[in-house]
Amino acid sequence: MMKKKEASNVSIDAKVTRANQVNDTVFFDVVINGVTIYGCKVIEGKNGDFISFPSHKGKDDKYYNHVWVKLSDDDTAAIVKQVEEML
């Protein structure tokens, strides 16, 4: 069994390629370190904005991400800023 390792000081190169707002939801596509992720959302939470990656609802009524990237607070803020600039 593999042990989990903490990623420290990992460089994230992120570029938002498309963003649009539908009602109160902001959808966007982003390229992170060369991998394009379609259908992300910016969610306004109690503790500030966060990024929701694409997911699907399982038979157990829980949601499961198709893809997930661990982002630092600075990375999240930079992506949200790019999204806001595109709206």
N, C-alpha and C. Protein backbone atom coordinates (compact mmCIF):
# COMPACT_ATOMS: atom_id res chain seq x y z
N MET A 1 0.84 -1.17 0.00
CA MET A 1 0.00 0.00 0.00
C MET A 1 0.89 1.24 0.00
N MET A 2 0.54 2.21 -0.85
CA MET A 2 1.34 3.43 -0.95
C MET A 2 1.00 4.38 0.18
N LYS A 3 2.01 5.02 0.70
CA LYS A 3 1.80 6.03 1.73
C LYS A 3 1.54 7.37 1.06
N LYS A 4 0.67 8.14 1.68
CA LYS A 4 0.39 9.48 1.16
C LYS A 4 1.57 10.38 1.48
N LYS A 5 1.94 11.18 0.50
CA LYS A 5 3.01 12.15 0.71
C LYS A 5 2.41 13.54 0.54
N GLU A 6 2.84 14.43 1.39
CA GLU A 6 2.40 15.81 1.28
C GLU A 6 3.19 16.49 0.16
N ALA A 7 2.48 17.17 -0.71
CA ALA A 7 3.13 17.93 -1.77
C ALA A 7 3.45 19.31 -1.20
N SER A 8 4.70 19.66 -1.19
CA SER A 8 5.07 20.97 -0.68
C SER A 8 5.78 21.75 -1.77
N ASN A 9 5.44 23.01 -1.85
CA ASN A 9 6.06 23.91 -2.81
C ASN A 9 5.95 23.41 -4.25
N VAL A 10 4.81 22.83 -4.59
CA VAL A 10 4.58 22.37 -5.95
C VAL A 10 4.15 23.57 -6.78
N SER A 11 4.79 23.75 -7.91
CA SER A 11 4.48 24.88 -8.78
C SER A 11 3.27 24.53 -9.65
N ILE A 12 2.27 25.40 -9.63
CA ILE A 12 1.07 25.21 -10.44
C ILE A 12 1.05 26.30 -11.50
N ASP A 13 0.97 25.89 -12.75
CA ASP A 13 0.83 26.83 -13.85
C ASP A 13 -0.61 26.71 -14.34
N ALA A 14 -1.42 27.74 -14.10
CA ALA A 14 -2.84 27.67 -14.43
C ALA A 14 -3.24 28.83 -15.33
N LYS A 15 -4.03 28.50 -16.37
CA LYS A 15 -4.56 29.52 -17.27
C LYS A 15 -6.02 29.21 -17.54
N VAL A 16 -6.89 30.17 -17.23
CA VAL A 16 -8.31 30.03 -17.50
C VAL A 16 -8.53 30.31 -18.98
N THR A 17 -9.21 29.39 -19.68
CA THR A 17 -9.40 29.53 -21.12
C THR A 17 -10.80 29.97 -21.51
N ARG A 18 -11.76 29.80 -20.60
CA ARG A 18 -13.14 30.20 -20.89
C ARG A 18 -13.85 30.39 -19.56
N ALA A 19 -14.72 31.41 -19.50
CA ALA A 19 -15.52 31.63 -18.29
C ALA A 19 -16.84 32.27 -18.69
N ASN A 20 -17.92 31.82 -18.06
CA ASN A 20 -19.21 32.47 -18.26
C ASN A 20 -20.07 32.27 -17.03
N GLN A 21 -21.02 33.18 -16.87
CA GLN A 21 -21.90 33.13 -15.71
C GLN A 21 -23.30 32.76 -16.17
N VAL A 22 -23.90 31.78 -15.51
CA VAL A 22 -25.27 31.37 -15.76
C VAL A 22 -26.01 31.53 -14.44
N ASN A 23 -26.93 32.49 -14.41
CA ASN A 23 -27.62 32.85 -13.16
C ASN A 23 -26.58 33.20 -12.11
N ASP A 24 -26.54 32.50 -11.00
CA ASP A 24 -25.58 32.82 -9.93
C ASP A 24 -24.34 31.93 -9.96
N THR A 25 -24.21 31.09 -10.98
CA THR A 25 -23.09 30.14 -11.05
C THR A 25 -22.10 30.56 -12.12
N VAL A 26 -20.82 30.54 -11.77
CA VAL A 26 -19.76 30.87 -12.71
C VAL A 26 -19.05 29.58 -13.10
N PHE A 27 -19.10 29.25 -14.40
CA PHE A 27 -18.44 28.07 -14.95
C PHE A 27 -17.18 28.51 -15.67
N PHE A 28 -16.15 27.66 -15.65
CA PHE A 28 -14.93 27.99 -16.39
C PHE A 28 -14.15 26.73 -16.72
N ASP A 29 -13.28 26.87 -17.72
CA ASP A 29 -12.34 25.82 -18.10
C ASP A 29 -10.95 26.34 -17.75
N VAL A 30 -10.07 25.45 -17.33
CA VAL A 30 -8.74 25.85 -16.92
C VAL A 30 -7.72 24.81 -17.38
N VAL A 31 -6.54 25.29 -17.74
CA VAL A 31 -5.41 24.41 -18.05
C VAL A 31 -4.45 24.50 -16.88
N ILE A 32 -4.22 23.37 -16.20
CA ILE A 32 -3.31 23.33 -15.06
C ILE A 32 -2.17 22.38 -15.40
N ASN A 33 -0.98 22.96 -15.48
CA ASN A 33 0.23 22.19 -15.82
C ASN A 33 0.02 21.33 -17.06
N GLY A 34 -0.63 21.91 -18.07
CA GLY A 34 -0.80 21.25 -19.36
C GLY A 34 -2.02 20.36 -19.48
N VAL A 35 -2.80 20.20 -18.41
CA VAL A 35 -4.00 19.37 -18.43
C VAL A 35 -5.23 20.27 -18.42
N THR A 36 -6.09 20.13 -19.44
CA THR A 36 -7.30 20.95 -19.52
C THR A 36 -8.41 20.30 -18.71
N ILE A 37 -9.05 21.10 -17.87
CA ILE A 37 -10.18 20.64 -17.06
C ILE A 37 -11.38 21.50 -17.44
N TYR A 38 -12.41 20.85 -17.98
CA TYR A 38 -13.63 21.53 -18.42
C TYR A 38 -14.69 21.47 -17.33
N GLY A 39 -15.48 22.54 -17.22
CA GLY A 39 -16.66 22.53 -16.36
C GLY A 39 -16.41 22.76 -14.88
N CYS A 40 -15.39 23.54 -14.54
CA CYS A 40 -15.16 23.90 -13.15
C CYS A 40 -16.13 25.01 -12.76
N LYS A 41 -16.31 25.21 -11.46
CA LYS A 41 -17.19 26.26 -10.97
C LYS A 41 -16.50 27.02 -9.85
N VAL A 42 -16.80 28.33 -9.75
CA VAL A 42 -16.39 29.12 -8.60
C VAL A 42 -17.57 29.13 -7.64
N ILE A 43 -17.33 28.72 -6.41
CA ILE A 43 -18.36 28.66 -5.38
C ILE A 43 -18.02 29.68 -4.30
N GLU A 44 -19.01 30.48 -3.92
CA GLU A 44 -18.82 31.44 -2.84
C GLU A 44 -19.17 30.74 -1.53
N GLY A 45 -18.15 30.45 -0.73
CA GLY A 45 -18.35 29.75 0.54
C GLY A 45 -18.28 30.70 1.72
N LYS A 46 -18.54 30.18 2.91
CA LYS A 46 -18.47 30.99 4.13
C LYS A 46 -17.07 31.54 4.36
N ASN A 47 -16.07 30.77 3.97
CA ASN A 47 -14.68 31.17 4.19
C ASN A 47 -14.03 31.71 2.93
N GLY A 48 -14.82 32.21 2.00
CA GLY A 48 -14.29 32.76 0.76
C GLY A 48 -14.56 31.85 -0.43
N ASP A 49 -14.14 32.31 -1.59
CA ASP A 49 -14.37 31.56 -2.82
C ASP A 49 -13.52 30.29 -2.85
N PHE A 50 -14.09 29.24 -3.47
CA PHE A 50 -13.30 28.05 -3.73
C PHE A 50 -13.69 27.49 -5.08
N ILE A 51 -12.87 26.58 -5.58
CA ILE A 51 -13.08 26.00 -6.91
C ILE A 51 -13.68 24.61 -6.76
N SER A 52 -14.76 24.38 -7.49
CA SER A 52 -15.40 23.07 -7.53
C SER A 52 -15.06 22.43 -8.87
N PHE A 53 -14.44 21.26 -8.80
CA PHE A 53 -14.08 20.54 -10.02
C PHE A 53 -15.27 19.72 -10.50
N PRO A 54 -15.30 19.34 -11.79
CA PRO A 54 -16.43 18.57 -12.33
C PRO A 54 -16.65 17.28 -11.53
N SER A 55 -17.93 16.95 -11.33
CA SER A 55 -18.26 15.76 -10.56
C SER A 55 -19.53 15.11 -11.09
N HIS A 56 -19.81 13.92 -10.59
CA HIS A 56 -21.05 13.22 -10.95
C HIS A 56 -21.66 12.64 -9.68
N LYS A 57 -22.95 12.43 -9.72
CA LYS A 57 -23.66 11.87 -8.57
C LYS A 57 -23.68 10.35 -8.68
N GLY A 58 -23.21 9.69 -7.63
CA GLY A 58 -23.18 8.23 -7.61
C GLY A 58 -24.52 7.64 -7.21
N LYS A 59 -24.62 6.33 -7.29
CA LYS A 59 -25.85 5.63 -6.91
C LYS A 59 -26.18 5.83 -5.43
N ASP A 60 -25.17 6.18 -4.64
CA ASP A 60 -25.38 6.40 -3.21
C ASP A 60 -25.74 7.86 -2.90
N ASP A 61 -26.05 8.64 -3.94
CA ASP A 61 -26.43 10.05 -3.82
C ASP A 61 -25.29 10.95 -3.34
N LYS A 62 -24.06 10.47 -3.35
CA LYS A 62 -22.90 11.29 -3.04
C LYS A 62 -22.28 11.76 -4.35
N TYR A 63 -21.58 12.90 -4.30
CA TYR A 63 -20.93 13.43 -5.49
C TYR A 63 -19.46 13.03 -5.48
N TYR A 64 -18.96 12.64 -6.66
CA TYR A 64 -17.58 12.21 -6.84
C TYR A 64 -16.93 13.03 -7.95
N ASN A 65 -15.75 13.58 -7.65
CA ASN A 65 -15.04 14.39 -8.63
C ASN A 65 -14.52 13.52 -9.77
N HIS A 66 -14.59 14.06 -10.99
CA HIS A 66 -13.95 13.41 -12.13
C HIS A 66 -12.45 13.62 -12.05
N VAL A 67 -12.07 14.79 -11.58
CA VAL A 67 -10.66 15.16 -11.44
C VAL A 67 -10.57 16.11 -10.25
N TRP A 68 -9.43 16.11 -9.59
CA TRP A 68 -9.25 17.01 -8.45
C TRP A 68 -7.78 17.39 -8.38
N VAL A 69 -7.52 18.66 -8.14
CA VAL A 69 -6.16 19.16 -8.02
C VAL A 69 -6.05 19.89 -6.69
N LYS A 70 -5.05 19.56 -5.90
CA LYS A 70 -4.84 20.26 -4.64
C LYS A 70 -4.26 21.63 -4.95
N LEU A 71 -5.01 22.66 -4.61
CA LEU A 71 -4.59 24.03 -4.88
C LEU A 71 -4.33 24.76 -3.57
N SER A 72 -3.29 25.56 -3.55
CA SER A 72 -3.05 26.40 -2.39
C SER A 72 -4.04 27.57 -2.42
N ASP A 73 -4.13 28.29 -1.33
CA ASP A 73 -5.00 29.47 -1.30
C ASP A 73 -4.57 30.49 -2.35
N ASP A 74 -3.26 30.65 -2.55
CA ASP A 74 -2.75 31.59 -3.55
C ASP A 74 -3.12 31.14 -4.96
N ASP A 75 -3.01 29.84 -5.24
CA ASP A 75 -3.39 29.32 -6.56
C ASP A 75 -4.87 29.54 -6.82
N THR A 76 -5.70 29.25 -5.81
CA THR A 76 -7.14 29.45 -5.95
C THR A 76 -7.45 30.91 -6.22
N ALA A 77 -6.83 31.81 -5.47
CA ALA A 77 -7.07 33.25 -5.65
C ALA A 77 -6.65 33.70 -7.05
N ALA A 78 -5.53 33.19 -7.55
CA ALA A 78 -5.07 33.56 -8.89
C ALA A 78 -6.03 33.08 -9.97
N ILE A 79 -6.56 31.87 -9.82
CA ILE A 79 -7.51 31.34 -10.80
C ILE A 79 -8.81 32.12 -10.74
N VAL A 80 -9.32 32.40 -9.54
CA VAL A 80 -10.56 33.17 -9.40
C VAL A 80 -10.39 34.56 -10.00
N LYS A 81 -9.22 35.16 -9.82
CA LYS A 81 -8.95 36.48 -10.41
C LYS A 81 -9.01 36.41 -11.93
N GLN A 82 -8.41 35.37 -12.53
CA GLN A 82 -8.46 35.21 -13.98
C GLN A 82 -9.90 35.05 -14.46
N VAL A 83 -10.69 34.28 -13.71
CA VAL A 83 -12.10 34.08 -14.07
C VAL A 83 -12.84 35.41 -14.04
N GLU A 84 -12.65 36.19 -12.97
CA GLU A 84 -13.32 37.48 -12.84
C GLU A 84 -12.95 38.42 -13.97
N GLU A 85 -11.70 38.39 -14.41
CA GLU A 85 -11.25 39.25 -15.50
C GLU A 85 -11.88 38.86 -16.83
N MET A 86 -12.28 37.60 -16.98
CA MET A 86 -12.88 37.14 -18.24
C MET A 86 -14.38 37.38 -18.31
N LEU A 87 -15.02 37.67 -17.18
CA LEU A 87 -16.47 37.89 -17.17
C LEU A 87 -16.83 39.28 -17.64
